N, C-alpha and C. Protein backbone atom coordinates (compact mmCIF):
# COMPACT_ATOMS: atom_id res chain seq x y z
N VAL A 1 1.41 -1.47 0.12
CA VAL A 1 -0.25 -0.04 0.04
C VAL A 1 0.91 1.17 -0.07
N GLN A 2 0.50 1.85 -0.62
CA GLN A 2 1.46 3.80 -1.37
C GLN A 2 0.59 4.51 -0.97
N LEU A 3 0.53 5.16 0.30
CA LEU A 3 0.20 6.80 0.24
C LEU A 3 0.68 8.00 0.06
N VAL A 4 -0.12 8.42 -0.46
CA VAL A 4 0.35 10.38 -1.34
C VAL A 4 -0.33 11.05 -0.15
N GLU A 5 0.56 11.99 0.01
CA GLU A 5 -1.07 13.38 1.04
C GLU A 5 0.01 14.23 -0.13
N SER A 6 -1.50 15.18 -0.22
CA SER A 6 -1.15 16.21 -1.26
C SER A 6 -2.23 17.28 -0.08
N GLY A 7 -2.13 18.82 -1.07
CA GLY A 7 -3.09 19.57 -0.67
C GLY A 7 -2.00 21.02 0.98
N GLY A 8 -1.37 20.44 1.63
CA GLY A 8 -0.75 21.55 2.13
C GLY A 8 0.19 22.56 1.88
N GLY A 9 0.08 23.41 2.78
CA GLY A 9 0.21 25.15 2.32
C GLY A 9 0.42 25.81 3.66
N LEU A 10 0.57 26.82 2.98
CA LEU A 10 0.82 28.13 4.13
C LEU A 10 -0.97 29.16 4.20
N VAL A 11 -1.45 29.49 5.07
CA VAL A 11 -2.94 29.66 5.40
C VAL A 11 -2.75 30.41 6.73
N GLN A 12 -3.33 31.91 6.81
CA GLN A 12 -3.49 32.09 7.76
C GLN A 12 -4.54 31.58 8.47
N ALA A 13 -4.63 32.12 10.06
CA ALA A 13 -5.64 31.50 11.10
C ALA A 13 -7.02 32.19 10.82
N GLY A 14 -7.73 30.55 11.18
CA GLY A 14 -8.73 31.21 10.56
C GLY A 14 -9.26 31.19 9.47
N GLY A 15 -8.71 30.79 8.74
CA GLY A 15 -8.59 29.62 7.22
C GLY A 15 -9.12 28.30 7.12
N SER A 16 -8.79 28.09 5.81
CA SER A 16 -9.07 26.35 5.04
C SER A 16 -7.91 25.78 4.50
N LEU A 17 -8.11 24.33 4.46
CA LEU A 17 -7.31 23.59 3.38
C LEU A 17 -7.69 22.14 3.55
N ARG A 18 -7.68 21.80 2.16
CA ARG A 18 -8.39 20.77 2.30
C ARG A 18 -7.14 19.69 1.44
N LEU A 19 -6.73 19.12 2.75
CA LEU A 19 -5.68 17.97 2.49
C LEU A 19 -6.74 16.52 1.74
N SER A 20 -5.29 15.68 1.02
CA SER A 20 -6.01 14.36 0.63
C SER A 20 -5.20 13.93 0.55
N CYS A 21 -5.35 12.18 0.52
CA CYS A 21 -4.08 11.49 0.89
C CYS A 21 -4.91 9.67 -0.22
N ALA A 22 -3.99 10.05 -1.34
CA ALA A 22 -4.48 8.41 -2.62
C ALA A 22 -3.60 7.30 -1.73
N ALA A 23 -5.02 6.78 -1.74
CA ALA A 23 -3.97 5.39 -1.43
C ALA A 23 -3.97 4.29 -2.79
N SER A 24 -2.92 3.70 -3.09
CA SER A 24 -2.61 2.56 -4.21
C SER A 24 -2.01 1.15 -3.88
N GLY A 25 -2.48 0.68 -4.44
CA GLY A 25 -1.61 -1.00 -4.44
C GLY A 25 -2.52 -2.44 -3.75
N SER A 26 -2.65 -2.78 -2.80
CA SER A 26 -3.34 -4.33 -1.96
C SER A 26 -4.19 -2.50 -1.36
N THR A 27 -5.21 -1.82 -1.90
CA THR A 27 -6.14 -1.26 -0.74
C THR A 27 -7.05 -1.77 0.04
N ASN A 28 -7.87 -2.87 -0.91
CA ASN A 28 -8.85 -4.05 -0.02
C ASN A 28 -8.34 -3.90 1.21
N SER A 29 -7.40 -4.46 2.04
CA SER A 29 -6.54 -4.98 2.95
C SER A 29 -6.32 -3.82 3.72
N ILE A 30 -6.90 -2.52 3.89
CA ILE A 30 -7.17 -1.71 4.23
C ILE A 30 -8.65 -1.36 5.47
N ASN A 31 -8.39 -1.22 6.88
CA ASN A 31 -9.25 -1.72 7.44
C ASN A 31 -9.58 -0.08 8.00
N VAL A 32 -8.53 0.57 8.55
CA VAL A 32 -9.12 2.14 9.05
C VAL A 32 -7.46 3.01 8.57
N ILE A 33 -7.85 4.33 7.72
CA ILE A 33 -7.18 5.49 7.20
C ILE A 33 -7.98 6.04 8.54
N SER A 34 -6.29 6.94 9.39
CA SER A 34 -6.26 8.11 9.74
C SER A 34 -5.34 9.18 9.22
N TRP A 35 -5.57 10.30 10.09
CA TRP A 35 -4.57 11.46 10.23
C TRP A 35 -4.26 11.82 11.13
N TYR A 36 -2.61 12.02 11.24
CA TYR A 36 -1.97 12.55 11.53
C TYR A 36 -1.52 13.42 12.16
N ARG A 37 -0.81 14.43 12.95
CA ARG A 37 0.29 15.68 13.05
C ARG A 37 1.08 15.44 13.51
N GLN A 38 2.40 16.10 12.81
CA GLN A 38 3.46 16.10 13.71
C GLN A 38 4.26 17.95 13.75
N ALA A 39 4.06 18.39 14.73
CA ALA A 39 4.67 19.90 15.44
C ALA A 39 6.21 19.53 15.72
N PRO A 40 6.99 20.96 15.22
CA PRO A 40 8.07 20.25 15.82
C PRO A 40 8.32 20.06 17.17
N GLY A 41 9.75 19.53 17.66
CA GLY A 41 9.71 19.00 18.72
C GLY A 41 8.22 18.38 19.61
N LYS A 42 7.36 18.23 19.06
CA LYS A 42 6.03 17.77 19.51
C LYS A 42 5.68 16.46 19.32
N GLN A 43 5.72 15.16 19.54
CA GLN A 43 5.09 14.13 19.09
C GLN A 43 3.74 13.51 18.55
N ARG A 44 4.05 12.81 17.68
CA ARG A 44 3.00 12.48 16.42
C ARG A 44 1.32 12.35 17.13
N GLU A 45 0.68 13.18 17.13
CA GLU A 45 -0.51 13.39 17.54
C GLU A 45 -1.58 12.77 16.11
N PHE A 46 -2.67 11.81 16.96
CA PHE A 46 -4.16 11.78 16.00
C PHE A 46 -4.84 13.05 15.66
N VAL A 47 -5.53 13.23 14.10
CA VAL A 47 -6.16 14.07 14.30
C VAL A 47 -7.54 13.48 14.67
N ALA A 48 -8.02 12.47 12.90
CA ALA A 48 -8.86 11.69 13.17
C ALA A 48 -8.97 10.79 11.75
N LEU A 49 -10.05 9.74 12.21
CA LEU A 49 -9.69 8.33 11.33
C LEU A 49 -11.13 7.97 10.70
N ILE A 50 -11.26 7.40 9.66
CA ILE A 50 -12.61 7.00 9.11
C ILE A 50 -11.97 5.85 9.11
N ILE A 51 -13.22 4.72 9.00
CA ILE A 51 -12.93 3.18 8.98
C ILE A 51 -13.76 2.44 7.65
N SER A 52 -13.07 1.64 6.92
CA SER A 52 -13.69 1.16 5.57
C SER A 52 -14.86 0.85 5.54
N GLY A 53 -15.09 -0.12 7.24
CA GLY A 53 -16.29 -1.21 6.92
C GLY A 53 -17.48 0.38 6.85
N GLY A 54 -18.03 1.70 7.06
CA GLY A 54 -18.48 1.94 7.30
C GLY A 54 -18.20 2.75 8.97
N GLY A 55 -19.34 3.17 9.87
CA GLY A 55 -19.17 3.90 10.47
C GLY A 55 -19.47 5.34 11.21
N ARG A 56 -19.48 6.17 11.66
CA ARG A 56 -18.83 7.42 12.35
C ARG A 56 -17.60 7.57 12.82
N PRO A 57 -17.02 8.39 11.58
CA PRO A 57 -15.76 9.01 11.93
C PRO A 57 -15.10 9.57 13.22
N LYS A 58 -14.19 9.02 13.57
CA LYS A 58 -13.44 9.80 15.23
C LYS A 58 -12.74 10.83 14.66
N TYR A 59 -12.41 12.06 15.60
CA TYR A 59 -11.44 12.57 15.74
C TYR A 59 -11.20 13.07 17.29
N ALA A 60 -10.23 14.05 17.53
CA ALA A 60 -9.42 14.43 18.17
C ALA A 60 -10.19 15.26 18.78
N ASP A 61 -10.66 15.58 20.03
CA ASP A 61 -11.35 16.73 20.64
C ASP A 61 -10.95 18.08 19.63
N SER A 62 -9.62 18.52 20.18
CA SER A 62 -9.24 19.50 19.58
C SER A 62 -9.97 20.02 18.39
N VAL A 63 -9.86 19.22 17.36
CA VAL A 63 -10.57 19.22 15.60
C VAL A 63 -12.12 19.03 15.42
N LYS A 64 -12.82 18.63 16.53
CA LYS A 64 -13.98 18.37 16.69
C LYS A 64 -14.85 20.01 16.29
N GLY A 65 -15.76 19.37 15.03
CA GLY A 65 -16.05 20.81 14.91
C GLY A 65 -15.62 21.14 14.05
N ARG A 66 -14.49 21.34 13.56
CA ARG A 66 -13.57 21.96 12.31
C ARG A 66 -13.12 21.51 11.47
N PHE A 67 -13.04 19.91 11.66
CA PHE A 67 -12.14 19.25 11.21
C PHE A 67 -13.39 18.13 10.65
N THR A 68 -13.31 18.13 9.18
CA THR A 68 -13.81 16.50 8.44
C THR A 68 -13.29 15.63 7.65
N ILE A 69 -13.16 14.48 7.96
CA ILE A 69 -12.70 13.78 7.17
C ILE A 69 -13.55 12.75 6.55
N SER A 70 -13.02 12.81 5.34
CA SER A 70 -14.36 11.89 3.95
C SER A 70 -13.23 10.78 3.42
N ARG A 71 -14.24 9.79 2.39
CA ARG A 71 -14.02 9.46 1.40
C ARG A 71 -14.62 9.70 -0.03
N ASP A 72 -13.27 9.37 -1.15
CA ASP A 72 -13.86 9.21 -1.78
C ASP A 72 -13.51 7.51 -2.69
N ASN A 73 -14.48 6.44 -2.89
CA ASN A 73 -14.41 5.58 -2.96
C ASN A 73 -13.88 5.49 -4.47
N ALA A 74 -14.51 6.34 -5.32
CA ALA A 74 -14.46 6.47 -6.61
C ALA A 74 -12.66 6.44 -7.12
N ASP A 75 -11.45 7.14 -6.60
CA ASP A 75 -10.38 7.43 -6.87
C ASP A 75 -9.54 6.60 -5.29
N ASN A 76 -10.14 6.30 -4.09
CA ASN A 76 -9.15 5.46 -3.42
C ASN A 76 -8.68 7.37 -2.30
N THR A 77 -9.74 8.07 -2.24
CA THR A 77 -8.67 9.06 -1.93
C THR A 77 -9.42 9.42 -0.26
N ILE A 78 -8.71 9.37 0.59
CA ILE A 78 -9.04 10.56 1.87
C ILE A 78 -9.07 11.56 1.82
N ASN A 79 -9.53 12.22 1.48
CA ASN A 79 -9.49 13.64 2.32
C ASN A 79 -9.64 13.79 3.74
N LEU A 80 -8.92 15.78 3.99
CA LEU A 80 -9.32 16.00 5.40
C LEU A 80 -10.00 17.76 5.32
N GLN A 81 -11.29 17.88 5.56
CA GLN A 81 -11.43 19.43 4.96
C GLN A 81 -10.76 20.01 6.77
N MET A 82 -9.92 21.79 6.44
CA MET A 82 -9.52 21.70 7.87
C MET A 82 -10.48 23.15 7.49
N ASN A 83 -11.06 23.83 8.76
CA ASN A 83 -11.78 25.36 8.76
C ASN A 83 -11.65 25.85 10.15
N ARG A 84 -11.51 26.51 10.20
CA ARG A 84 -10.22 27.85 11.46
C ARG A 84 -9.45 27.20 11.92
N LEU A 85 -8.95 27.04 10.47
CA LEU A 85 -7.18 26.64 11.35
C LEU A 85 -6.55 27.37 12.36
N LYS A 86 -5.64 27.12 13.50
CA LYS A 86 -5.05 28.00 14.14
C LYS A 86 -3.81 27.69 13.76
N PRO A 87 -2.16 28.81 14.50
CA PRO A 87 -1.15 28.76 14.77
C PRO A 87 -0.78 27.59 15.18
N GLU A 88 -1.61 27.15 16.52
CA GLU A 88 -0.84 26.03 16.76
C GLU A 88 -1.31 24.46 16.29
N GLU A 89 -1.69 25.02 15.12
CA GLU A 89 -2.23 23.47 14.36
C GLU A 89 -1.12 22.79 13.15
N THR A 90 0.31 24.09 13.00
CA THR A 90 1.19 23.50 12.06
C THR A 90 2.35 23.08 12.56
N ALA A 91 1.39 22.34 11.26
CA ALA A 91 2.88 20.82 11.50
C ALA A 91 2.77 19.61 10.33
N VAL A 92 2.97 19.12 10.36
CA VAL A 92 3.37 18.21 8.78
C VAL A 92 2.19 16.95 9.52
N TYR A 93 1.02 17.14 7.83
CA TYR A 93 0.41 16.04 8.27
C TYR A 93 0.73 14.69 7.68
N TYR A 94 0.45 13.72 8.63
CA TYR A 94 0.34 12.28 7.82
C TYR A 94 -1.18 11.42 7.11
N CYS A 95 -0.72 11.00 6.65
CA CYS A 95 -2.56 9.81 6.14
C CYS A 95 -1.46 8.23 6.24
N ASN A 96 -2.60 8.08 7.60
CA ASN A 96 -1.72 5.80 7.92
C ASN A 96 -2.73 5.25 7.72
N ALA A 97 -2.33 4.06 6.98
CA ALA A 97 -3.46 3.15 6.63
C ALA A 97 -2.97 2.13 7.87
N VAL A 98 -4.37 1.82 7.92
CA VAL A 98 -4.28 0.04 9.17
C VAL A 98 -4.37 -0.57 8.69
N GLY A 99 -3.88 -1.34 8.17
CA GLY A 99 -3.81 -3.00 7.36
C GLY A 99 -3.93 -4.43 7.91
N VAL A 100 -3.99 -5.25 7.11
CA VAL A 100 -4.18 -6.56 7.89
C VAL A 100 -3.26 -6.92 8.63
N VAL A 101 -1.79 -6.87 8.01
CA VAL A 101 -0.51 -7.43 9.69
C VAL A 101 0.81 -5.91 9.58
N ARG A 102 0.40 -4.97 8.76
CA ARG A 102 1.29 -3.92 8.85
C ARG A 102 0.55 -2.20 8.99
N ASN A 103 0.61 -1.54 9.46
CA ASN A 103 0.44 0.30 9.25
C ASN A 103 1.35 0.72 8.25
N TYR A 104 0.12 1.48 7.71
CA TYR A 104 1.35 2.59 6.60
C TYR A 104 0.84 3.86 6.42
N TRP A 105 2.34 4.30 6.11
CA TRP A 105 2.66 5.89 6.21
C TRP A 105 2.26 6.60 5.11
N GLY A 106 2.67 7.24 4.61
CA GLY A 106 2.90 8.35 3.95
C GLY A 106 3.70 9.41 4.13
N GLN A 107 4.64 10.35 3.37
CA GLN A 107 5.64 11.31 3.23
C GLN A 107 5.24 12.46 4.24
N GLY A 108 3.89 12.86 4.64
CA GLY A 108 3.28 13.81 4.88
C GLY A 108 3.40 14.84 4.28
N THR A 109 2.40 15.91 4.21
CA THR A 109 2.52 17.56 3.59
C THR A 109 2.26 18.75 4.87
N GLN A 110 3.30 18.84 4.78
CA GLN A 110 3.39 20.53 5.37
C GLN A 110 2.24 21.48 5.37
N VAL A 111 1.51 21.94 7.13
CA VAL A 111 0.56 22.48 7.25
C VAL A 111 0.82 23.47 7.88
N THR A 112 1.35 25.08 7.59
CA THR A 112 1.60 26.31 8.12
C THR A 112 0.75 27.64 8.43
N VAL A 113 0.31 27.64 9.74
CA VAL A 113 -1.13 28.33 9.90
C VAL A 113 -0.52 30.07 10.71
N SER A 114 -0.04 30.57 9.33
CA SER A 114 0.15 32.18 10.17
C SER A 114 -0.58 33.25 10.85
N SER A 115 -0.25 33.51 11.92
CA SER A 115 -1.08 34.66 12.80
C SER A 115 -1.30 35.43 12.41
């Protein structure tokens, strides 16, 4: 499974960005796809997840009501719509896929929120 993130960039506080994670390869083996982020000097943290079989997406408390995770089955893409961004959310955002035997990570996309 290969994951490629895109959509990062520079945005002002209060603005919006839409990240995408394109999955390829043995995508049928994926059970859960998540977004994580890692700010400079901090540990990687969970942002949101969506389950392949359905069910409600889950979000970190800090992003509830502002971020929305969704999937486009037509092109195996997982999107993360981020609204009302805050400067402290400046980080590299990573896509993660949980497969049958291992986890997969993308290379990350940089999101910078200016104050």
